[in-house]
Amino acid sequence: MKRFADLTEQEILALAISNEDEDSRIYRGFAEGLRGPFPASAKVFDEMADEEVRHRTMLFDLYRSKFGEYLPLIRRQDVKGFITKKPLWLARPLPLDEVRKFAENMEYEAERYYRKAAANARDASVRQLLIELAEAEAGHESLAHKLSQSILTKGAREKEDETARRMFVLQYVQPGLAGLMDGSVSTLAPLFAAAFATHNTWQTFLVGMAASVGAGISMGFAEALSDDGSLTGRGAPLLRGTVCGAMTAIGGLGHTLPYLIPHFWTATAVSIFVVALELAAISWIRTRYMDTPFLQAAFQVVVGGVLVFIAGILIGSS
């Protein structure tokens, strides 16, 4: 790996050409990944990719006039100081907000590179081109602003935002909420049945742990095997299953962990308080993402939770 300060002008231009080529491919990857759900944003990234191609052509024309046809392979990872980029453009589905932020950072990094390279360049024509490219990068509006105002109409932006919200709800909120509800409610009966049958906090904790982990595994597999997401738009089965299974386990573990407290009645009181928090959180999520009125959501969740809670106590006390 070489320090930036040690690069020759030939290497600086070669690195700039490589960067522009890589950036154009990244933008093209963004465009392809967004073309289905976000066609207006995909068009913007196509234009960004075309612009990077023009920058590369300008750089290569200057390079060829100065150093000939041979172009050494120098990449970001060969030079100290560059931030390693995660391959976000390979992900599917692409998270729109992350893509916008990623592109903004790319533009900022490109501007800083050209300004620093121009400061180190001795050749006047090389320095002039690098300054022009730095000004071009600095003159770009931030991608988020560009997508929301200068390129996308208000209606197109609202449509894309609604699509992104719907995809988030389908792929994360719905499986997570289903898991949280199942884990919070279904584990109440075995947990409190064990608690009031044994009055032993450690044994109650083991029962709750087993019920939570078992429910998480079961719900995770059930969600992952429900459909492949190709028609429903619900995302990858593995992702949905992981989210659902994890939230199921978390829902059960929330009111299980208080039974690590040695005193039975203290542990039970804390566990009941945690259950109330869980049911309130479920009600809020349903109101926030499922458009269910909060009182209606709270009533439905609380009634179910209380019935399961009472059943557990009655069974444990019999």
C-alpha atoms as a PDB file:
ATOM      1  CA  MET A   1       0.000   0.000   0.000  1.00  0.00           C
ATOM      2  CA  LYS A   2       1.353   3.418  -0.993  1.00  0.00           C
ATOM      3  CA  ARG A   3       0.916   6.789   0.664  1.00  0.00           C
ATOM      4  CA  PHE A   4      -0.989   9.378  -1.321  1.00  0.00           C
ATOM      5  CA  ALA A   5       1.847  11.892  -0.932  1.00  0.00           C
ATOM      6  CA  ASP A   6       4.220   9.458  -2.670  1.00  0.00           C
ATOM      7  CA  LEU A   7       2.120   9.084  -5.819  1.00  0.00           C
ATOM      8  CA  THR A   8       3.488  10.451  -9.071  1.00  0.00           C
ATOM      9  CA  GLU A   9       1.331  12.539 -11.398  1.00  0.00           C
ATOM     10  CA  GLN A  10       0.957   9.494 -13.629  1.00  0.00           C
ATOM     11  CA  GLU A  11      -0.271   7.443 -10.685  1.00  0.00           C
ATOM     12  CA  ILE A  12      -2.596  10.232  -9.512  1.00  0.00           C
ATOM     13  CA  LEU A  13      -4.291  10.341 -12.904  1.00  0.00           C
ATOM     14  CA  ALA A  14      -4.406   6.541 -13.131  1.00  0.00           C
ATOM     15  CA  LEU A  15      -6.042   6.358  -9.710  1.00  0.00           C
ATOM     16  CA  ALA A  16      -8.555   9.059 -10.656  1.00  0.00           C
ATOM     17  CA  ILE A  17      -9.471   7.141 -13.826  1.00  0.00           C
ATOM     18  CA  SER A  18      -9.921   3.952 -11.816  1.00  0.00           C
ATOM     19  CA  ASN A  19     -12.081   5.781  -9.251  1.00  0.00           C
ATOM     20  CA  GLU A  20     -14.341   7.303 -11.888  1.00  0.00           C
ATOM     21  CA  ASP A  21     -14.772   3.933 -13.573  1.00  0.00           C
ATOM     22  CA  GLU A  22     -15.636   2.270 -10.259  1.00  0.00           C
ATOM     23  CA  ASP A  23     -18.032   5.049  -9.262  1.00  0.00           C
ATOM     24  CA  SER A  24     -19.865   4.855 -12.581  1.00  0.00           C
ATOM     25  CA  ARG A  25     -20.351   1.100 -12.083  1.00  0.00           C
ATOM     26  CA  ILE A  26     -21.600   1.642  -8.533  1.00  0.00           C
ATOM     27  CA  TYR A  27     -24.142   4.211  -9.715  1.00  0.00           C
ATOM     28  CA  ARG A  28     -25.199   1.880 -12.508  1.00  0.00           C
ATOM     29  CA  GLY A  29     -25.673  -0.877  -9.927  1.00  0.00           C
ATOM     30  CA  PHE A  30     -27.826   1.460  -7.860  1.00  0.00           C
ATOM     31  CA  ALA A  31     -29.902   2.286 -10.928  1.00  0.00           C
ATOM     32  CA  GLU A  32     -30.478  -1.379 -11.747  1.00  0.00           C
ATOM     33  CA  GLY A  33     -31.400  -2.212  -8.162  1.00  0.00           C
ATOM     34  CA  LEU A  34     -33.877   0.666  -7.889  1.00  0.00           C
ATOM     35  CA  ARG A  35     -35.376   0.522 -11.376  1.00  0.00           C
ATOM     36  CA  GLY A  36     -38.370  -1.618 -10.396  1.00  0.00           C
ATOM     37  CA  PRO A  37     -39.693   0.013  -7.197  1.00  0.00           C
ATOM     38  CA  PHE A  38     -38.081   3.476  -7.649  1.00  0.00           C
ATOM     39  CA  PRO A  39     -37.861   4.287 -11.384  1.00  0.00           C
ATOM     40  CA  ALA A  40     -37.427   8.043 -10.926  1.00  0.00           C
ATOM     41  CA  SER A  41     -34.452   7.588  -8.596  1.00  0.00           C
ATOM     42  CA  ALA A  42     -33.018   4.957 -10.943  1.00  0.00           C
ATOM     43  CA  LYS A  43     -33.019   7.576 -13.713  1.00  0.00           C
ATOM     44  CA  VAL A  44     -31.016   9.937 -11.512  1.00  0.00           C
ATOM     45  CA  PHE A  45     -28.390   7.273 -10.845  1.00  0.00           C
ATOM     46  CA  ASP A  46     -28.181   6.488 -14.566  1.00  0.00           C
ATOM     47  CA  GLU A  47     -27.387  10.164 -15.141  1.00  0.00           C
ATOM     48  CA  MET A  48     -24.823  10.108 -12.334  1.00  0.00           C
ATOM     49  CA  ALA A  49     -23.173   7.076 -13.926  1.00  0.00           C
ATOM     50  CA  ASP A  50     -23.058   8.833 -17.318  1.00  0.00           C
ATOM     51  CA  GLU A  51     -21.440  11.850 -15.685  1.00  0.00           C
ATOM     52  CA  GLU A  52     -18.737   9.695 -14.105  1.00  0.00           C
ATOM     53  CA  VAL A  53     -18.060   8.163 -17.538  1.00  0.00           C
ATOM     54  CA  ARG A  54     -17.556  11.676 -18.951  1.00  0.00           C
ATOM     55  CA  HIS A  55     -15.132  12.490 -16.139  1.00  0.00           C
ATOM     56  CA  ARG A  56     -13.204   9.298 -16.863  1.00  0.00           C
ATOM     57  CA  THR A  57     -12.972  10.197 -20.550  1.00  0.00           C
ATOM     58  CA  MET A  58     -11.606  13.650 -19.737  1.00  0.00           C
ATOM     59  CA  LEU A  59      -9.016  12.172 -17.401  1.00  0.00           C
ATOM     60  CA  PHE A  60      -7.978   9.436 -19.806  1.00  0.00           C
ATOM     61  CA  ASP A  61      -7.589  11.867 -22.707  1.00  0.00           C
ATOM     62  CA  LEU A  62      -5.239  13.977 -20.589  1.00  0.00           C
ATOM     63  CA  TYR A  63      -3.408  10.896 -19.334  1.00  0.00           C
ATOM     64  CA  ARG A  64      -2.889   9.572 -22.857  1.00  0.00           C
ATOM     65  CA  SER A  65      -1.497  12.913 -24.038  1.00  0.00           C
ATOM     66  CA  LYS A  66       0.978  12.986 -21.150  1.00  0.00           C
ATOM     67  CA  PHE A  67       1.967   9.370 -20.580  1.00  0.00           C
ATOM     68  CA  GLY A  68       0.819   7.283 -23.539  1.00  0.00           C
ATOM     69  CA  GLU A  69      -1.522   4.317 -23.790  1.00  0.00           C
ATOM     70  CA  TYR A  70      -0.253   2.212 -20.876  1.00  0.00           C
ATOM     71  CA  LEU A  71      -2.502   2.673 -17.845  1.00  0.00           C
ATOM     72  CA  PRO A  72      -1.236   1.124 -14.586  1.00  0.00           C
ATOM     73  CA  LEU A  73      -3.849  -0.559 -12.378  1.00  0.00           C
ATOM     74  CA  ILE A  74      -4.077   1.564  -9.225  1.00  0.00           C
ATOM     75  CA  ARG A  75      -7.182   1.329  -7.046  1.00  0.00           C
ATOM     76  CA  ARG A  76      -8.450   2.898  -3.842  1.00  0.00           C
ATOM     77  CA  GLN A  77      -7.380  -0.079  -1.773  1.00  0.00           C
ATOM     78  CA  ASP A  78      -3.800   0.369  -2.998  1.00  0.00           C
ATOM     79  CA  VAL A  79      -3.498   3.845  -1.446  1.00  0.00           C
ATOM     80  CA  LYS A  80      -3.583   4.743   2.241  1.00  0.00           C
ATOM     81  CA  GLY A  81      -6.350   7.086   3.362  1.00  0.00           C
ATOM     82  CA  PHE A  82      -9.292   5.846   1.334  1.00  0.00           C
ATOM     83  CA  ILE A  83     -12.310   4.499   3.193  1.00  0.00           C
ATOM     84  CA  THR A  84     -13.217   0.942   2.268  1.00  0.00           C
ATOM     85  CA  LYS A  85     -16.745   0.854   0.885  1.00  0.00           C
ATOM     86  CA  LYS A  86     -19.117  -1.953   1.771  1.00  0.00           C
ATOM     87  CA  PRO A  87     -20.702  -3.451  -1.379  1.00  0.00           C
ATOM     88  CA  LEU A  88     -24.105  -1.872  -0.767  1.00  0.00           C
ATOM     89  CA  TRP A  89     -24.856  -1.858  -4.504  1.00  0.00           C
ATOM     90  CA  LEU A  90     -24.923  -5.681  -4.482  1.00  0.00           C
ATOM     91  CA  ALA A  91     -27.688  -5.863  -1.863  1.00  0.00           C
ATOM     92  CA  ARG A  92     -31.263  -6.678  -2.874  1.00  0.00           C
ATOM     93  CA  PRO A  93     -33.591  -5.025  -2.185  1.00  0.00           C
ATOM     94  CA  LEU A  94     -31.641  -1.756  -2.057  1.00  0.00           C
ATOM     95  CA  PRO A  95     -32.480   0.509   0.919  1.00  0.00           C
ATOM     96  CA  LEU A  96     -33.262   3.842  -0.755  1.00  0.00           C
ATOM     97  CA  ASP A  97     -32.191   6.181   2.069  1.00  0.00           C
ATOM     98  CA  GLU A  98     -28.896   4.321   2.535  1.00  0.00           C
ATOM     99  CA  VAL A  99     -28.222   4.501  -1.194  1.00  0.00           C
ATOM    100  CA  ARG A 100     -28.752   8.272  -1.204  1.00  0.00           C
ATOM    101  CA  LYS A 101     -26.412   8.760   1.757  1.00  0.00           C
ATOM    102  CA  PHE A 102     -23.815   6.430   0.242  1.00  0.00           C
ATOM    103  CA  ALA A 103     -23.802   8.438  -2.992  1.00  0.00           C
ATOM    104  CA  GLU A 104     -23.449  11.731  -1.117  1.00  0.00           C
ATOM    105  CA  ASN A 105     -20.371  10.382   0.650  1.00  0.00           C
ATOM    106  CA  MET A 106     -18.938   9.236  -2.684  1.00  0.00           C
ATOM    107  CA  GLU A 107     -19.262  12.740  -4.116  1.00  0.00           C
ATOM    108  CA  TYR A 108     -17.676  14.289  -1.031  1.00  0.00           C
ATOM    109  CA  GLU A 109     -14.758  11.866  -1.150  1.00  0.00           C
ATOM    110  CA  ALA A 110     -14.231  12.514  -4.865  1.00  0.00           C
ATOM    111  CA  GLU A 111     -14.104  16.269  -4.329  1.00  0.00           C
ATOM    112  CA  ARG A 112     -11.546  15.954  -1.540  1.00  0.00           C
ATOM    113  CA  TYR A 113      -9.407  13.642  -3.682  1.00  0.00           C
ATOM    114  CA  TYR A 114      -9.329  16.024  -6.628  1.00  0.00           C
ATOM    115  CA  ARG A 115      -8.488  19.030  -4.478  1.00  0.00           C
ATOM    116  CA  LYS A 116      -5.652  17.223  -2.734  1.00  0.00           C
ATOM    117  CA  ALA A 117      -4.381  15.792  -6.011  1.00  0.00           C
ATOM    118  CA  ALA A 118      -4.466  19.245  -7.612  1.00  0.00           C
ATOM    119  CA  ALA A 119      -2.411  20.638  -4.744  1.00  0.00           C
ATOM    120  CA  ASN A 120       0.257  17.971  -5.364  1.00  0.00           C
ATOM    121  CA  ALA A 121       0.282  18.271  -9.155  1.00  0.00           C
ATOM    122  CA  ARG A 122       3.145  20.163 -10.804  1.00  0.00           C
ATOM    123  CA  ASP A 123       1.946  20.066 -14.384  1.00  0.00           C
ATOM    124  CA  ALA A 124      -0.352  23.026 -15.074  1.00  0.00           C
ATOM    125  CA  SER A 125      -2.740  21.140 -17.375  1.00  0.00           C
ATOM    126  CA  VAL A 126      -3.074  18.262 -14.909  1.00  0.00           C
ATOM    127  CA  ARG A 127      -3.674  20.671 -12.047  1.00  0.00           C
ATOM    128  CA  GLN A 128      -6.260  22.601 -14.064  1.00  0.00           C
ATOM    129  CA  LEU A 129      -8.282  19.490 -14.930  1.00  0.00           C
ATOM    130  CA  LEU A 130      -8.214  18.231 -11.367  1.00  0.00           C
ATOM    131  CA  ILE A 131      -9.476  21.583 -10.094  1.00  0.00           C
ATOM    132  CA  GLU A 132     -12.263  21.561 -12.690  1.00  0.00           C
ATOM    133  CA  LEU A 133     -13.314  18.083 -11.597  1.00  0.00           C
ATOM    134  CA  ALA A 134     -13.190  19.121  -7.936  1.00  0.00           C
ATOM    135  CA  GLU A 135     -15.445  22.074  -8.720  1.00  0.00           C
ATOM    136  CA  ALA A 136     -17.791  19.763 -10.634  1.00  0.00           C
ATOM    137  CA  GLU A 137     -18.057  17.454  -7.630  1.00  0.00           C
ATOM    138  CA  ALA A 138     -18.490  20.381  -5.237  1.00  0.00           C
ATOM    139  CA  GLY A 139     -21.135  21.850  -7.530  1.00  0.00           C
ATOM    140  CA  HIS A 140     -23.241  18.722  -7.362  1.00  0.00           C
ATOM    141  CA  GLU A 141     -26.217  19.134  -5.117  1.00  0.00           C
ATOM    142  CA  SER A 142     -26.412  16.554  -2.383  1.00  0.00           C
ATOM    143  CA  LEU A 143     -28.070  13.479  -3.762  1.00  0.00           C
ATOM    144  CA  ALA A 144     -30.903  13.593  -1.266  1.00  0.00           C
ATOM    145  CA  HIS A 145     -31.694  17.180  -2.293  1.00  0.00           C
ATOM    146  CA  LYS A 146     -31.241  16.295  -5.947  1.00  0.00           C
ATOM    147  CA  LEU A 147     -33.657  13.397  -5.753  1.00  0.00           C
ATOM    148  CA  SER A 148     -36.255  15.287  -3.748  1.00  0.00           C
ATOM    149  CA  GLN A 149     -36.298  18.613  -5.572  1.00  0.00           C
ATOM    150  CA  SER A 150     -34.327  19.104  -8.747  1.00  0.00           C
ATOM    151  CA  ILE A 151     -35.041  15.773 -10.476  1.00  0.00           C
ATOM    152  CA  LEU A 152     -38.057  14.138  -8.897  1.00  0.00           C
ATOM    153  CA  THR A 153     -41.427  15.794  -8.925  1.00  0.00           C
ATOM    154  CA  LYS A 154     -43.238  16.057  -5.630  1.00  0.00           C
ATOM    155  CA  GLY A 155     -45.651  13.336  -6.693  1.00  0.00           C
ATOM    156  CA  ALA A 156     -42.842  10.985  -7.777  1.00  0.00           C
ATOM    157  CA  ARG A 157     -40.954  11.552  -4.536  1.00  0.00           C
ATOM    158  CA  GLU A 158     -44.064  10.905  -2.458  1.00  0.00           C
ATOM    159  CA  LYS A 159     -44.762   7.750  -4.448  1.00  0.00           C
ATOM    160  CA  GLU A 160     -41.215   6.456  -3.927  1.00  0.00           C
ATOM    161  CA  ASP A 161     -41.294   7.280  -0.223  1.00  0.00           C
ATOM    162  CA  GLU A 162     -44.591   5.439   0.135  1.00  0.00           C
ATOM    163  CA  THR A 163     -43.148   2.449  -1.747  1.00  0.00           C
ATOM    164  CA  ALA A 164     -40.099   2.439   0.550  1.00  0.00           C
ATOM    165  CA  ARG A 165     -42.350   2.623   3.606  1.00  0.00           C
ATOM    166  CA  ARG A 166     -44.532  -0.214   2.341  1.00  0.00           C
ATOM    167  CA  MET A 167     -41.496  -2.405   1.658  1.00  0.00           C
ATOM    168  CA  PHE A 168     -40.124  -1.663   5.145  1.00  0.00           C
ATOM    169  CA  VAL A 169     -43.439  -2.624   6.720  1.00  0.00           C
ATOM    170  CA  LEU A 170     -43.715  -5.831   4.677  1.00  0.00           C
ATOM    171  CA  GLN A 171     -40.135  -6.981   5.176  1.00  0.00           C
ATOM    172  CA  TYR A 172     -39.398  -5.899   8.745  1.00  0.00           C
ATOM    173  CA  VAL A 173     -42.374  -4.546  10.689  1.00  0.00           C
ATOM    174  CA  GLN A 174     -44.935  -7.248   9.924  1.00  0.00           C
ATOM    175  CA  PRO A 175     -42.724 -10.279  10.694  1.00  0.00           C
ATOM    176  CA  GLY A 176     -41.185  -8.477  13.663  1.00  0.00           C
ATOM    177  CA  LEU A 177     -44.577  -7.495  15.061  1.00  0.00           C
ATOM    178  CA  ALA A 178     -45.963 -11.004  14.572  1.00  0.00           C
ATOM    179  CA  GLY A 179     -42.986 -12.399  16.441  1.00  0.00           C
ATOM    180  CA  LEU A 180     -43.165  -9.846  19.247  1.00  0.00           C
ATOM    181  CA  MET A 181     -46.874 -10.476  19.769  1.00  0.00           C
ATOM    182  CA  ASP A 182     -46.424 -14.247  19.800  1.00  0.00           C
ATOM    183  CA  GLY A 183     -43.411 -14.136  22.086  1.00  0.00           C
ATOM    184  CA  SER A 184     -44.958 -11.653  24.512  1.00  0.00           C
ATOM    185  CA  VAL A 185     -48.359 -13.325  24.769  1.00  0.00           C
ATOM    186  CA  SER A 186     -47.873 -17.051  24.164  1.00  0.00           C
ATOM    187  CA  THR A 187     -45.108 -17.395  26.762  1.00  0.00           C
ATOM    188  CA  LEU A 188     -47.163 -15.788  29.532  1.00  0.00           C
ATOM    189  CA  ALA A 189     -49.107 -18.954  30.341  1.00  0.00           C
ATOM    190  CA  PRO A 190     -46.148 -21.363  30.754  1.00  0.00           C
ATOM    191  CA  LEU A 191     -44.057 -18.741  32.557  1.00  0.00           C
ATOM    192  CA  PHE A 192     -46.627 -17.765  35.188  1.00  0.00           C
ATOM    193  CA  ALA A 193     -47.941 -21.301  35.479  1.00  0.00           C
ATOM    194  CA  ALA A 194     -44.413 -22.403  36.403  1.00  0.00           C
ATOM    195  CA  ALA A 195     -44.014 -19.399  38.703  1.00  0.00           C
ATOM    196  CA  PHE A 196     -47.148 -20.010  40.769  1.00  0.00           C
ATOM    197  CA  ALA A 197     -46.727 -23.794  40.704  1.00  0.00           C
ATOM    198  CA  THR A 198     -43.173 -23.777  42.050  1.00  0.00           C
ATOM    199  CA  HIS A 199     -42.599 -20.333  43.636  1.00  0.00           C
ATOM    200  CA  ASN A 200     -39.013 -20.979  42.539  1.00  0.00           C
ATOM    201  CA  THR A 201     -37.495 -18.142  40.500  1.00  0.00           C
ATOM    202  CA  TRP A 202     -34.719 -20.219  38.924  1.00  0.00           C
ATOM    203  CA  GLN A 203     -37.030 -22.961  37.714  1.00  0.00           C
ATOM    204  CA  THR A 204     -39.450 -20.328  36.439  1.00  0.00           C
ATOM    205  CA  PHE A 205     -36.575 -18.653  34.580  1.00  0.00           C
ATOM    206  CA  LEU A 206     -35.621 -21.964  32.922  1.00  0.00           C
ATOM    207  CA  VAL A 207     -39.206 -22.577  31.820  1.00  0.00           C
ATOM    208  CA  GLY A 208     -39.484 -19.053  30.410  1.00  0.00           C
ATOM    209  CA  MET A 209     -36.139 -19.362  28.639  1.00  0.00           C
ATOM    210  CA  ALA A 210     -37.148 -22.675  27.060  1.00  0.00           C
ATOM    211  CA  ALA A 211     -40.545 -21.302  25.998  1.00  0.00           C
ATOM    212  CA  SER A 212     -38.991 -18.143  24.506  1.00  0.00           C
ATOM    213  CA  VAL A 213     -36.210 -19.863  22.573  1.00  0.00           C
ATOM    214  CA  GLY A 214     -38.526 -22.624  21.392  1.00  0.00           C
ATOM    215  CA  ALA A 215     -41.158 -20.142  20.238  1.00  0.00           C
ATOM    216  CA  GLY A 216     -38.478 -18.106  18.461  1.00  0.00           C
ATOM    217  CA  ILE A 217     -37.212 -21.104  16.522  1.00  0.00           C
ATOM    218  CA  SER A 218     -40.728 -22.229  15.659  1.00  0.00           C
ATOM    219  CA  MET A 219     -41.924 -18.799  14.516  1.00  0.00           C
ATOM    220  CA  GLY A 220     -38.715 -18.189  12.575  1.00  0.00           C
ATOM    221  CA  PHE A 221     -39.119 -21.364  10.543  1.00  0.00           C
ATOM    222  CA  ALA A 222     -42.839 -20.785  10.051  1.00  0.00           C
ATOM    223  CA  GLU A 223     -42.269 -17.277   8.697  1.00  0.00           C
ATOM    224  CA  ALA A 224     -39.355 -18.297   6.468  1.00  0.00           C
ATOM    225  CA  LEU A 225     -41.362 -21.143   4.941  1.00  0.00           C
ATOM    226  CA  SER A 226     -44.585 -19.173   4.471  1.00  0.00           C
ATOM    227  CA  ASP A 227     -43.625 -17.780   1.038  1.00  0.00           C
ATOM    228  CA  ASP A 228     -40.510 -16.848  -0.951  1.00  0.00           C
ATOM    229  CA  GLY A 229     -41.462 -13.168  -1.218  1.00  0.00           C
ATOM    230  CA  SER A 230     -41.296 -13.091  -5.022  1.00  0.00           C
ATOM    231  CA  LEU A 231     -44.985 -12.254  -5.468  1.00  0.00           C
ATOM    232  CA  THR A 232     -45.876 -10.634  -2.171  1.00  0.00           C
ATOM    233  CA  GLY A 233     -42.833  -8.318  -2.014  1.00  0.00           C
ATOM    234  CA  ARG A 234     -42.203  -9.428   1.553  1.00  0.00           C
ATOM    235  CA  GLY A 235     -38.470  -9.861   1.008  1.00  0.00           C
ATOM    236  CA  ALA A 236     -36.065 -12.748   1.426  1.00  0.00           C
ATOM    237  CA  PRO A 237     -37.432 -15.667   3.491  1.00  0.00           C
ATOM    238  CA  LEU A 238     -34.226 -15.926   5.529  1.00  0.00           C
ATOM    239  CA  LEU A 239     -34.419 -12.254   6.495  1.00  0.00           C
ATOM    240  CA  ARG A 240     -38.087 -12.422   7.441  1.00  0.00           C
ATOM    241  CA  GLY A 241     -37.575 -15.638   9.397  1.00  0.00           C
ATOM    242  CA  THR A 242     -34.638 -14.162  11.274  1.00  0.00           C
ATOM    243  CA  VAL A 243     -36.539 -10.980  12.163  1.00  0.00           C
ATOM    244  CA  CYS A 244     -39.647 -12.903  13.243  1.00  0.00           C
ATOM    245  CA  GLY A 245     -37.721 -15.505  15.239  1.00  0.00           C
ATOM    246  CA  ALA A 246     -35.537 -12.940  16.982  1.00  0.00           C
ATOM    247  CA  MET A 247     -38.479 -10.734  17.962  1.00  0.00           C
ATOM    248  CA  THR A 248     -40.409 -13.762  19.210  1.00  0.00           C
ATOM    249  CA  ALA A 249     -37.550 -14.736  21.488  1.00  0.00           C
ATOM    250  CA  ILE A 250     -37.116 -11.141  22.667  1.00  0.00           C
ATOM    251  CA  GLY A 251     -40.833 -10.881  23.442  1.00  0.00           C
ATOM    252  CA  GLY A 252     -40.626 -13.921  25.713  1.00  0.00           C
ATOM    253  CA  LEU A 253     -37.276 -13.113  27.289  1.00  0.00           C
ATOM    254  CA  GLY A 254     -38.428  -9.645  28.346  1.00  0.00           C
ATOM    255  CA  HIS A 255     -40.659 -10.954  31.121  1.00  0.00           C
ATOM    256  CA  THR A 256     -38.512 -14.040  31.743  1.00  0.00           C
ATOM    257  CA  LEU A 257     -35.316 -12.224  32.747  1.00  0.00           C
ATOM    258  CA  PRO A 258     -36.838 -10.675  35.925  1.00  0.00           C
ATOM    259  CA  TYR A 259     -36.949 -14.182  37.384  1.00  0.00           C
ATOM    260  CA  LEU A 260     -33.198 -13.989  37.775  1.00  0.00           C
ATOM    261  CA  ILE A 261     -34.129 -11.936  40.850  1.00  0.00           C
ATOM    262  CA  PRO A 262     -34.048 -14.403  43.796  1.00  0.00           C
ATOM    263  CA  HIS A 263     -37.099 -12.960  45.625  1.00  0.00           C
ATOM    264  CA  PHE A 264     -40.249 -14.481  44.095  1.00  0.00           C
ATOM    265  CA  TRP A 265     -42.748 -11.666  44.595  1.00  0.00           C
ATOM    266  CA  THR A 266     -40.259  -8.977  43.540  1.00  0.00           C
ATOM    267  CA  ALA A 267     -39.412 -10.933  40.389  1.00  0.00           C
ATOM    268  CA  THR A 268     -43.124 -11.448  39.647  1.00  0.00           C
ATOM    269  CA  ALA A 269     -43.925  -7.767  40.110  1.00  0.00           C
ATOM    270  CA  VAL A 270     -41.083  -6.720  37.792  1.00  0.00           C
ATOM    271  CA  SER A 271     -42.135  -9.341  35.230  1.00  0.00           C
ATOM    272  CA  ILE A 272     -45.737  -8.068  35.235  1.00  0.00           C
ATOM    273  CA  PHE A 273     -44.458  -4.510  34.750  1.00  0.00           C
ATOM    274  CA  VAL A 274     -42.353  -5.657  31.779  1.00  0.00           C
ATOM    275  CA  VAL A 275     -45.411  -7.381  30.293  1.00  0.00           C
ATOM    276  CA  ALA A 276     -47.301  -4.079  30.481  1.00  0.00           C
ATOM    277  CA  LEU A 277     -44.447  -2.333  28.650  1.00  0.00           C
ATOM    278  CA  GLU A 278     -44.404  -5.045  25.977  1.00  0.00           C
ATOM    279  CA  LEU A 279     -48.141  -4.773  25.355  1.00  0.00           C
ATOM    280  CA  ALA A 280     -47.874  -0.969  25.166  1.00  0.00           C
ATOM    281  CA  ALA A 281     -45.019  -1.279  22.645  1.00  0.00           C
ATOM    282  CA  ILE A 282     -47.040  -3.693  20.504  1.00  0.00           C
ATOM    283  CA  SER A 283     -50.000  -1.306  20.559  1.00  0.00           C
ATOM    284  CA  TRP A 284     -47.785   1.628  19.536  1.00  0.00           C
ATOM    285  CA  ILE A 285     -46.227  -0.323  16.653  1.00  0.00           C
ATOM    286  CA  ARG A 286     -49.661  -1.325  15.372  1.00  0.00           C
ATOM    287  CA  THR A 287     -50.765   2.299  15.554  1.00  0.00           C
ATOM    288  CA  ARG A 288     -47.590   3.639  13.943  1.00  0.00           C
ATOM    289  CA  TYR A 289     -47.254   1.194  11.048  1.00  0.00           C
ATOM    290  CA  MET A 290     -50.599  -0.612  10.698  1.00  0.00           C
ATOM    291  CA  ASP A 291     -52.836   2.465  11.014  1.00  0.00           C
ATOM    292  CA  THR A 292     -54.773   0.898  13.875  1.00  0.00           C
ATOM    293  CA  PRO A 293     -56.202   3.399  16.403  1.00  0.00           C
ATOM    294  CA  PHE A 294     -54.146   3.181  19.590  1.00  0.00           C
ATOM    295  CA  LEU A 295     -57.076   2.501  21.946  1.00  0.00           C
ATOM    296  CA  GLN A 296     -58.375  -0.211  19.648  1.00  0.00           C
ATOM    297  CA  ALA A 297     -54.915  -1.782  19.330  1.00  0.00           C
ATOM    298  CA  ALA A 298     -54.351  -1.565  23.089  1.00  0.00           C
ATOM    299  CA  PHE A 299     -57.736  -3.110  23.846  1.00  0.00           C
ATOM    300  CA  GLN A 300     -57.151  -6.047  21.486  1.00  0.00           C
ATOM    301  CA  VAL A 301     -53.632  -6.724  22.744  1.00  0.00           C
ATOM    302  CA  VAL A 302     -54.370  -6.224  26.436  1.00  0.00           C
ATOM    303  CA  VAL A 303     -57.465  -8.441  26.409  1.00  0.00           C
ATOM    304  CA  GLY A 304     -55.534 -11.286  24.793  1.00  0.00           C
ATOM    305  CA  GLY A 305     -52.574 -10.815  27.107  1.00  0.00           C
ATOM    306  CA  VAL A 306     -54.696 -10.670  30.261  1.00  0.00           C
ATOM    307  CA  LEU A 307     -56.602 -13.832  29.312  1.00  0.00           C
ATOM    308  CA  VAL A 308     -53.377 -15.776  28.739  1.00  0.00           C
ATOM    309  CA  PHE A 309     -51.890 -14.307  31.944  1.00  0.00           C
ATOM    310  CA  ILE A 310     -54.901 -15.376  34.029  1.00  0.00           C
ATOM    311  CA  ALA A 311     -54.884 -18.823  32.446  1.00  0.00           C
ATOM    312  CA  GLY A 312     -51.254 -19.267  33.439  1.00  0.00           C
ATOM    313  CA  ILE A 313     -51.885 -18.225  37.038  1.00  0.00           C
ATOM    314  CA  LEU A 314     -54.959 -20.446  37.385  1.00  0.00           C
ATOM    315  CA  ILE A 315     -53.145 -23.463  35.959  1.00  0.00           C
ATOM    316  CA  GLY A 316     -50.105 -22.856  38.136  1.00  0.00           C
ATOM    317  CA  SER A 317     -52.160 -22.377  41.284  1.00  0.00           C
ATOM    318  CA  SER A 318     -54.333 -25.448  40.848  1.00  0.00           C
END
